[in-house]
Amino acid sequence: MTLFLIALAALSWTGLSLAVLAMVLRRVGTPRQAAWRAFGIGLVVNTISAWYASPGEPVAAVILIILCHLLLLPALLIAARREERP
């Protein structure tokens, strides 16, 4: 149960951070570019943070962060496509 709650918290934090970052980056370029930039920046920053935050199991934490980002990428790209439609 604890592992499930940790995974759910990681997924929700990743979704929130990607959505806010994409919203901020949307002012610089197109929504699709903002989605990809948010994904890249979030993946790098959260992976490094997870690696240093979990001294006992850094590989498991990094895998969890990568999976959360990959699960949210399609939703982010669908939202970007929806914003690009006239």
PDB file of N, CA and C in Angstrom:
ATOM      1  N   MET A   1       0.816  -1.196   0.000  1.00  0.00           N
ATOM      2  CA  MET A   1       0.000   0.000   0.000  1.00  0.00           C
ATOM      3  C   MET A   1       0.861   1.261   0.000  1.00  0.00           C
ATOM      4  N   THR A   2       1.960   1.228   0.740  1.00  0.00           N
ATOM      5  CA  THR A   2       2.833   2.391   0.795  1.00  0.00           C
ATOM      6  C   THR A   2       3.456   2.674  -0.568  1.00  0.00           C
ATOM      7  N   LEU A   3       3.869   1.621  -1.261  1.00  0.00           N
ATOM      8  CA  LEU A   3       4.451   1.807  -2.586  1.00  0.00           C
ATOM      9  C   LEU A   3       3.433   2.405  -3.552  1.00  0.00           C
ATOM     10  N   PHE A   4       2.183   1.970  -3.451  1.00  0.00           N
ATOM     11  CA  PHE A   4       1.128   2.524  -4.293  1.00  0.00           C
ATOM     12  C   PHE A   4       0.930   4.011  -4.018  1.00  0.00           C
ATOM     13  N   LEU A   5       0.936   4.407  -2.766  1.00  0.00           N
ATOM     14  CA  LEU A   5       0.767   5.813  -2.415  1.00  0.00           C
ATOM     15  C   LEU A   5       1.951   6.661  -2.880  1.00  0.00           C
ATOM     16  N   ILE A   6       3.141   6.113  -2.795  1.00  0.00           N
ATOM     17  CA  ILE A   6       4.326   6.830  -3.285  1.00  0.00           C
ATOM     18  C   ILE A   6       4.237   7.011  -4.798  1.00  0.00           C
ATOM     19  N   ALA A   7       3.839   5.960  -5.505  1.00  0.00           N
ATOM     20  CA  ALA A   7       3.703   6.062  -6.965  1.00  0.00           C
ATOM     21  C   ALA A   7       2.608   7.046  -7.346  1.00  0.00           C
ATOM     22  N   LEU A   8       1.507   7.056  -6.618  1.00  0.00           N
ATOM     23  CA  LEU A   8       0.421   7.993  -6.887  1.00  0.00           C
ATOM     24  C   LEU A   8       0.848   9.431  -6.620  1.00  0.00           C
ATOM     25  N   ALA A   9       1.601   9.644  -5.559  1.00  0.00           N
ATOM     26  CA  ALA A   9       2.113  10.980  -5.254  1.00  0.00           C
ATOM     27  C   ALA A   9       3.102  11.441  -6.325  1.00  0.00           C
ATOM     28  N   ALA A  10       3.957  10.537  -6.781  1.00  0.00           N
ATOM     29  CA  ALA A  10       4.920  10.891  -7.827  1.00  0.00           C
ATOM     30  C   ALA A  10       4.202  11.228  -9.128  1.00  0.00           C
ATOM     31  N   LEU A  11       3.181  10.467  -9.462  1.00  0.00           N
ATOM     32  CA  LEU A  11       2.424  10.724 -10.682  1.00  0.00           C
ATOM     33  C   LEU A  11       1.684  12.057 -10.608  1.00  0.00           C
ATOM     34  N   SER A  12       1.090  12.341  -9.480  1.00  0.00           N
ATOM     35  CA  SER A  12       0.354  13.605  -9.352  1.00  0.00           C
ATOM     36  C   SER A  12       1.304  14.796  -9.344  1.00  0.00           C
ATOM     37  N   TRP A  13       2.439  14.676  -8.680  1.00  0.00           N
ATOM     38  CA  TRP A  13       3.409  15.771  -8.676  1.00  0.00           C
ATOM     39  C   TRP A  13       3.958  15.993 -10.080  1.00  0.00           C
ATOM     40  N   THR A  14       4.237  14.939 -10.790  1.00  0.00           N
ATOM     41  CA  THR A  14       4.753  15.062 -12.151  1.00  0.00           C
ATOM     42  C   THR A  14       3.716  15.716 -13.056  1.00  0.00           C
ATOM     43  N   GLY A  15       2.467  15.316 -12.929  1.00  0.00           N
ATOM     44  CA  GLY A  15       1.406  15.916 -13.744  1.00  0.00           C
ATOM     45  C   GLY A  15       1.247  17.395 -13.463  1.00  0.00           C
ATOM     46  N   LEU A  16       1.273  17.762 -12.198  1.00  0.00           N
ATOM     47  CA  LEU A  16       1.146  19.170 -11.839  1.00  0.00           C
ATOM     48  C   LEU A  16       2.332  19.984 -12.345  1.00  0.00           C
ATOM     49  N   SER A  17       3.529  19.474 -12.155  1.00  0.00           N
ATOM     50  CA  SER A  17       4.707  20.230 -12.576  1.00  0.00           C
ATOM     51  C   SER A  17       4.788  20.350 -14.099  1.00  0.00           C
ATOM     52  N   LEU A  18       4.437  19.291 -14.826  1.00  0.00           N
ATOM     53  CA  LEU A  18       4.463  19.361 -16.292  1.00  0.00           C
ATOM     54  C   LEU A  18       3.404  20.318 -16.822  1.00  0.00           C
ATOM     55  N   ALA A  19       2.234  20.313 -16.223  1.00  0.00           N
ATOM     56  CA  ALA A  19       1.165  21.202 -16.681  1.00  0.00           C
ATOM     57  C   ALA A  19       1.525  22.668 -16.452  1.00  0.00           C
ATOM     58  N   VAL A  20       2.045  22.977 -15.285  1.00  0.00           N
ATOM     59  CA  VAL A  20       2.425  24.364 -14.993  1.00  0.00           C
ATOM     60  C   VAL A  20       3.594  24.799 -15.862  1.00  0.00           C
ATOM     61  N   LEU A  21       4.579  23.936 -16.023  1.00  0.00           N
ATOM     62  CA  LEU A  21       5.732  24.279 -16.849  1.00  0.00           C
ATOM     63  C   LEU A  21       5.327  24.464 -18.312  1.00  0.00           C
ATOM     64  N   ALA A  22       4.448  23.620 -18.822  1.00  0.00           N
ATOM     65  CA  ALA A  22       3.986  23.773 -20.202  1.00  0.00           C
ATOM     66  C   ALA A  22       3.183  25.054 -20.369  1.00  0.00           C
ATOM     67  N   MET A  23       2.406  25.416 -19.364  1.00  0.00           N
ATOM     68  CA  MET A  23       1.630  26.651 -19.434  1.00  0.00           C
ATOM     69  C   MET A  23       2.545  27.872 -19.478  1.00  0.00           C
ATOM     70  N   VAL A  24       3.612  27.833 -18.708  1.00  0.00           N
ATOM     71  CA  VAL A  24       4.562  28.948 -18.713  1.00  0.00           C
ATOM     72  C   VAL A  24       5.331  28.994 -20.028  1.00  0.00           C
ATOM     73  N   LEU A  25       5.747  27.852 -20.531  1.00  0.00           N
ATOM     74  CA  LEU A  25       6.531  27.801 -21.762  1.00  0.00           C
ATOM     75  C   LEU A  25       5.691  28.066 -23.008  1.00  0.00           C
ATOM     76  N   ARG A  26       4.379  27.999 -22.883  1.00  0.00           N
ATOM     77  CA  ARG A  26       3.506  28.250 -24.031  1.00  0.00           C
ATOM     78  C   ARG A  26       3.648  29.680 -24.537  1.00  0.00           C
ATOM     79  N   ARG A  27       4.056  30.575 -23.688  1.00  0.00           N
ATOM     80  CA  ARG A  27       4.234  31.974 -24.094  1.00  0.00           C
ATOM     81  C   ARG A  27       5.444  32.161 -25.001  1.00  0.00           C
ATOM     82  N   VAL A  28       6.362  31.217 -24.972  1.00  0.00           N
ATOM     83  CA  VAL A  28       7.589  31.321 -25.772  1.00  0.00           C
ATOM     84  C   VAL A  28       7.409  30.733 -27.167  1.00  0.00           C
ATOM     85  N   GLY A  29       6.608  29.687 -27.295  1.00  0.00           N
ATOM     86  CA  GLY A  29       6.451  29.023 -28.589  1.00  0.00           C
ATOM     87  C   GLY A  29       5.064  28.440 -28.740  1.00  0.00           C
ATOM     88  N   THR A  30       4.962  27.465 -29.606  1.00  0.00           N
ATOM     89  CA  THR A  30       3.676  26.808 -29.838  1.00  0.00           C
ATOM     90  C   THR A  30       3.364  25.866 -28.675  1.00  0.00           C
ATOM     91  N   PRO A  31       2.107  25.480 -28.533  1.00  0.00           N
ATOM     92  CA  PRO A  31       1.768  24.541 -27.447  1.00  0.00           C
ATOM     93  C   PRO A  31       2.491  23.199 -27.545  1.00  0.00           C
ATOM     94  N   ARG A  32       2.707  22.708 -28.757  1.00  0.00           N
ATOM     95  CA  ARG A  32       3.430  21.437 -28.911  1.00  0.00           C
ATOM     96  C   ARG A  32       4.891  21.563 -28.472  1.00  0.00           C
ATOM     97  N   GLN A  33       5.534  22.665 -28.853  1.00  0.00           N
ATOM     98  CA  GLN A  33       6.911  22.894 -28.401  1.00  0.00           C
ATOM     99  C   GLN A  33       6.966  23.041 -26.888  1.00  0.00           C
ATOM    100  N   ALA A  34       5.981  23.720 -26.329  1.00  0.00           N
ATOM    101  CA  ALA A  34       5.938  23.899 -24.879  1.00  0.00           C
ATOM    102  C   ALA A  34       5.784  22.554 -24.174  1.00  0.00           C
ATOM    103  N   ALA A  35       4.973  21.669 -24.741  1.00  0.00           N
ATOM    104  CA  ALA A  35       4.780  20.349 -24.133  1.00  0.00           C
ATOM    105  C   ALA A  35       6.077  19.546 -24.148  1.00  0.00           C
ATOM    106  N   TRP A  36       6.769  19.544 -25.272  1.00  0.00           N
ATOM    107  CA  TRP A  36       8.020  18.795 -25.359  1.00  0.00           C
ATOM    108  C   TRP A  36       9.105  19.406 -24.484  1.00  0.00           C
ATOM    109  N   ARG A  37       9.172  20.730 -24.436  1.00  0.00           N
ATOM    110  CA  ARG A  37      10.167  21.378 -23.568  1.00  0.00           C
ATOM    111  C   ARG A  37       9.871  21.106 -22.106  1.00  0.00           C
ATOM    112  N   ALA A  38       8.603  21.159 -21.716  1.00  0.00           N
ATOM    113  CA  ALA A  38       8.232  20.863 -20.330  1.00  0.00           C
ATOM    114  C   ALA A  38       8.573  19.416 -19.985  1.00  0.00           C
ATOM    115  N   PHE A  39       8.328  18.514 -20.915  1.00  0.00           N
ATOM    116  CA  PHE A  39       8.665  17.111 -20.691  1.00  0.00           C
ATOM    117  C   PHE A  39      10.171  16.944 -20.488  1.00  0.00           C
ATOM    118  N   GLY A  40      10.955  17.556 -21.337  1.00  0.00           N
ATOM    119  CA  GLY A  40      12.413  17.426 -21.235  1.00  0.00           C
ATOM    120  C   GLY A  40      12.973  18.049 -19.967  1.00  0.00           C
ATOM    121  N   ILE A  41      12.545  19.260 -19.672  1.00  0.00           N
ATOM    122  CA  ILE A  41      13.037  19.937 -18.469  1.00  0.00           C
ATOM    123  C   ILE A  41      12.598  19.182 -17.219  1.00  0.00           C
ATOM    124  N   GLY A  42      11.325  18.787 -17.178  1.00  0.00           N
ATOM    125  CA  GLY A  42      10.820  18.049 -16.025  1.00  0.00           C
ATOM    126  C   GLY A  42      11.525  16.717 -15.833  1.00  0.00           C
ATOM    127  N   LEU A  43      11.777  16.016 -16.919  1.00  0.00           N
ATOM    128  CA  LEU A  43      12.441  14.725 -16.831  1.00  0.00           C
ATOM    129  C   LEU A  43      13.850  14.866 -16.274  1.00  0.00           C
ATOM    130  N   VAL A  44      14.592  15.838 -16.770  1.00  0.00           N
ATOM    131  CA  VAL A  44      15.968  16.026 -16.309  1.00  0.00           C
ATOM    132  C   VAL A  44      16.004  16.451 -14.844  1.00  0.00           C
ATOM    133  N   VAL A  45      15.235  17.470 -14.504  1.00  0.00           N
ATOM    134  CA  VAL A  45      15.267  17.994 -13.134  1.00  0.00           C
ATOM    135  C   VAL A  45      14.744  16.972 -12.131  1.00  0.00           C
ATOM    136  N   ASN A  46      13.622  16.332 -12.433  1.00  0.00           N
ATOM    137  CA  ASN A  46      13.062  15.360 -11.491  1.00  0.00           C
ATOM    138  C   ASN A  46      13.904  14.103 -11.381  1.00  0.00           C
ATOM    139  N   THR A  47      14.559  13.694 -12.461  1.00  0.00           N
ATOM    140  CA  THR A  47      15.430  12.523 -12.399  1.00  0.00           C
ATOM    141  C   THR A  47      16.640  12.791 -11.524  1.00  0.00           C
ATOM    142  N   ILE A  48      17.247  13.950 -11.696  1.00  0.00           N
ATOM    143  CA  ILE A  48      18.395  14.304 -10.855  1.00  0.00           C
ATOM    144  C   ILE A  48      17.967  14.433  -9.397  1.00  0.00           C
ATOM    145  N   SER A  49      16.826  15.043  -9.163  1.00  0.00           N
ATOM    146  CA  SER A  49      16.325  15.190  -7.791  1.00  0.00           C
ATOM    147  C   SER A  49      16.038  13.828  -7.162  1.00  0.00           C
ATOM    148  N   ALA A  50      15.414  12.942  -7.912  1.00  0.00           N
ATOM    149  CA  ALA A  50      15.104  11.616  -7.378  1.00  0.00           C
ATOM    150  C   ALA A  50      16.368  10.818  -7.094  1.00  0.00           C
ATOM    151  N   TRP A  51      17.360  10.977  -7.921  1.00  0.00           N
ATOM    152  CA  TRP A  51      18.614  10.247  -7.731  1.00  0.00           C
ATOM    153  C   TRP A  51      19.281  10.648  -6.421  1.00  0.00           C
ATOM    154  N   TYR A  52      19.311  11.948  -6.134  1.00  0.00           N
ATOM    155  CA  TYR A  52      19.963  12.413  -4.920  1.00  0.00           C
ATOM    156  C   TYR A  52      19.074  12.326  -3.679  1.00  0.00           C
ATOM    157  N   ALA A  53      17.757  12.266  -3.853  1.00  0.00           N
ATOM    158  CA  ALA A  53      16.847  12.253  -2.707  1.00  0.00           C
ATOM    159  C   ALA A  53      16.691  10.866  -2.102  1.00  0.00           C
ATOM    160  N   SER A  54      17.004   9.837  -2.833  1.00  0.00           N
ATOM    161  CA  SER A  54      16.829   8.480  -2.311  1.00  0.00           C
ATOM    162  C   SER A  54      18.173   7.752  -2.280  1.00  0.00           C
ATOM    163  N   PRO A  55      18.915   7.900  -1.186  1.00  0.00           N
ATOM    164  CA  PRO A  55      20.252   7.296  -1.133  1.00  0.00           C
ATOM    165  C   PRO A  55      20.242   5.766  -1.122  1.00  0.00           C
ATOM    166  N   GLY A  56      19.144   5.145  -0.670  1.00  0.00           N
ATOM    167  CA  GLY A  56      19.114   3.684  -0.606  1.00  0.00           C
ATOM    168  C   GLY A  56      18.769   3.025  -1.920  1.00  0.00           C
ATOM    169  N   GLU A  57      17.829   3.599  -2.670  1.00  0.00           N
ATOM    170  CA  GLU A  57      17.339   3.012  -3.915  1.00  0.00           C
ATOM    171  C   GLU A  57      17.255   4.063  -5.019  1.00  0.00           C
ATOM    172  N   PRO A  58      18.368   4.634  -5.459  1.00  0.00           N
ATOM    173  CA  PRO A  58      18.274   5.690  -6.479  1.00  0.00           C
ATOM    174  C   PRO A  58      17.778   5.187  -7.828  1.00  0.00           C
ATOM    175  N   VAL A  59      18.089   3.975  -8.204  1.00  0.00           N
ATOM    176  CA  VAL A  59      17.660   3.455  -9.502  1.00  0.00           C
ATOM    177  C   VAL A  59      16.148   3.273  -9.532  1.00  0.00           C
ATOM    178  N   ALA A  60      15.577   2.769  -8.453  1.00  0.00           N
ATOM    179  CA  ALA A  60      14.128   2.588  -8.394  1.00  0.00           C
ATOM    180  C   ALA A  60      13.404   3.931  -8.454  1.00  0.00           C
ATOM    181  N   ALA A  61      13.943   4.940  -7.783  1.00  0.00           N
ATOM    182  CA  ALA A  61      13.332   6.269  -7.807  1.00  0.00           C
ATOM    183  C   ALA A  61      13.389   6.870  -9.209  1.00  0.00           C
ATOM    184  N   VAL A  62      14.502   6.698  -9.887  1.00  0.00           N
ATOM    185  CA  VAL A  62      14.651   7.229 -11.252  1.00  0.00           C
ATOM    186  C   VAL A  62      13.692   6.506 -12.200  1.00  0.00           C
ATOM    187  N   ILE A  63      13.557   5.210 -12.055  1.00  0.00           N
ATOM    188  CA  ILE A  63      12.630   4.461 -12.902  1.00  0.00           C
ATOM    189  C   ILE A  63      11.195   4.930 -12.665  1.00  0.00           C
ATOM    190  N   LEU A  64      10.839   5.186 -11.414  1.00  0.00           N
ATOM    191  CA  LEU A  64       9.510   5.685 -11.098  1.00  0.00           C
ATOM    192  C   LEU A  64       9.258   7.043 -11.750  1.00  0.00           C
ATOM    193  N   ILE A  65      10.224   7.933 -11.696  1.00  0.00           N
ATOM    194  CA  ILE A  65      10.074   9.267 -12.290  1.00  0.00           C
ATOM    195  C   ILE A  65       9.964   9.153 -13.812  1.00  0.00           C
ATOM    196  N   ILE A  66      10.771   8.330 -14.424  1.00  0.00           N
ATOM    197  CA  ILE A  66      10.712   8.165 -15.877  1.00  0.00           C
ATOM    198  C   ILE A  66       9.363   7.590 -16.307  1.00  0.00           C
ATOM    199  N   LEU A  67       8.867   6.592 -15.576  1.00  0.00           N
ATOM    200  CA  LEU A  67       7.562   6.018 -15.899  1.00  0.00           C
ATOM    201  C   LEU A  67       6.435   7.034 -15.744  1.00  0.00           C
ATOM    202  N   CYS A  68       6.495   7.844 -14.703  1.00  0.00           N
ATOM    203  CA  CYS A  68       5.475   8.876 -14.516  1.00  0.00           C
ATOM    204  C   CYS A  68       5.492   9.869 -15.673  1.00  0.00           C
ATOM    205  N   HIS A  69       6.678  10.271 -16.105  1.00  0.00           N
ATOM    206  CA  HIS A  69       6.768  11.210 -17.225  1.00  0.00           C
ATOM    207  C   HIS A  69       6.241  10.578 -18.508  1.00  0.00           C
ATOM    208  N   LEU A  70       6.583   9.325 -18.738  1.00  0.00           N
ATOM    209  CA  LEU A  70       6.119   8.665 -19.959  1.00  0.00           C
ATOM    210  C   LEU A  70       4.610   8.429 -19.943  1.00  0.00           C
ATOM    211  N   LEU A  71       4.036   8.203 -18.773  1.00  0.00           N
ATOM    212  CA  LEU A  71       2.581   8.042 -18.690  1.00  0.00           C
ATOM    213  C   LEU A  71       1.846   9.347 -18.961  1.00  0.00           C
ATOM    214  N   LEU A  72       2.439  10.469 -18.599  1.00  0.00           N
ATOM    215  CA  LEU A  72       1.775  11.754 -18.764  1.00  0.00           C
ATOM    216  C   LEU A  72       2.065  12.434 -20.102  1.00  0.00           C
ATOM    217  N   LEU A  73       3.061  11.965 -20.816  1.00  0.00           N
ATOM    218  CA  LEU A  73       3.401  12.589 -22.098  1.00  0.00           C
ATOM    219  C   LEU A  73       2.256  12.550 -23.108  1.00  0.00           C
ATOM    220  N   PRO A  74       1.550  11.434 -23.303  1.00  0.00           N
ATOM    221  CA  PRO A  74       0.441  11.464 -24.270  1.00  0.00           C
ATOM    222  C   PRO A  74      -0.647  12.467 -23.908  1.00  0.00           C
ATOM    223  N   ALA A  75      -0.984  12.568 -22.630  1.00  0.00           N
ATOM    224  CA  ALA A  75      -2.003  13.535 -22.219  1.00  0.00           C
ATOM    225  C   ALA A  75      -1.538  14.962 -22.473  1.00  0.00           C
ATOM    226  N   LEU A  76      -0.270  15.222 -22.246  1.00  0.00           N
ATOM    227  CA  LEU A  76       0.284  16.549 -22.491  1.00  0.00           C
ATOM    228  C   LEU A  76       0.257  16.887 -23.972  1.00  0.00           C
ATOM    229  N   LEU A  77       0.589  15.930 -24.818  1.00  0.00           N
ATOM    230  CA  LEU A  77       0.577  16.170 -26.256  1.00  0.00           C
ATOM    231  C   LEU A  77      -0.846  16.299 -26.806  1.00  0.00           C
ATOM    232  N   ILE A  78      -1.787  15.559 -26.252  1.00  0.00           N
ATOM    233  CA  ILE A  78      -3.183  15.690 -26.673  1.00  0.00           C
ATOM    234  C   ILE A  78      -3.721  17.066 -26.298  1.00  0.00           C
ATOM    235  N   ALA A  79      -3.384  17.529 -25.116  1.00  0.00           N
ATOM    236  CA  ALA A  79      -3.804  18.872 -24.705  1.00  0.00           C
ATOM    237  C   ALA A  79      -3.177  19.940 -25.586  1.00  0.00           C
ATOM    238  N   ALA A  80      -1.922  19.747 -25.984  1.00  0.00           N
ATOM    239  CA  ALA A  80      -1.257  20.700 -26.874  1.00  0.00           C
ATOM    240  C   ALA A  80      -1.917  20.700 -28.247  1.00  0.00           C
ATOM    241  N   ARG A  81      -2.284  19.518 -28.757  1.00  0.00           N
ATOM    242  CA  ARG A  81      -2.940  19.437 -30.048  1.00  0.00           C
ATOM    243  C   ARG A  81      -4.305  20.116 -30.000  1.00  0.00           C
ATOM    244  N   ARG A  82      -5.012  19.953 -28.898  1.00  0.00           N
ATOM    245  CA  ARG A  82      -6.312  20.575 -28.730  1.00  0.00           C
ATOM    246  C   ARG A  82      -6.195  22.089 -28.707  1.00  0.00           C
ATOM    247  N   GLU A  83      -5.125  22.633 -28.137  1.00  0.00           N
ATOM    248  CA  GLU A  83      -4.924  24.076 -28.107  1.00  0.00           C
ATOM    249  C   GLU A  83      -4.527  24.626 -29.467  1.00  0.00           C
ATOM    250  N   GLU A  84      -3.871  23.826 -30.290  1.00  0.00           N
ATOM    251  CA  GLU A  84      -3.423  24.298 -31.605  1.00  0.00           C
ATOM    252  C   GLU A  84      -4.566  24.382 -32.610  1.00  0.00           C
ATOM    253  N   ARG A  85      -5.661  23.683 -32.381  1.00  0.00           N
ATOM    254  CA  ARG A  85      -6.776  23.727 -33.329  1.00  0.00           C
ATOM    255  C   ARG A  85      -7.404  25.109 -33.334  1.00  0.00           C
ATOM    256  N   PRO A  86      -7.767  25.584 -34.546  1.00  0.00           N
ATOM    257  CA  PRO A  86      -8.369  26.934 -34.623  1.00  0.00           C
ATOM    258  C   PRO A  86      -9.795  26.979 -34.102  1.00  0.00           C
TER     259      PRO A  86
END
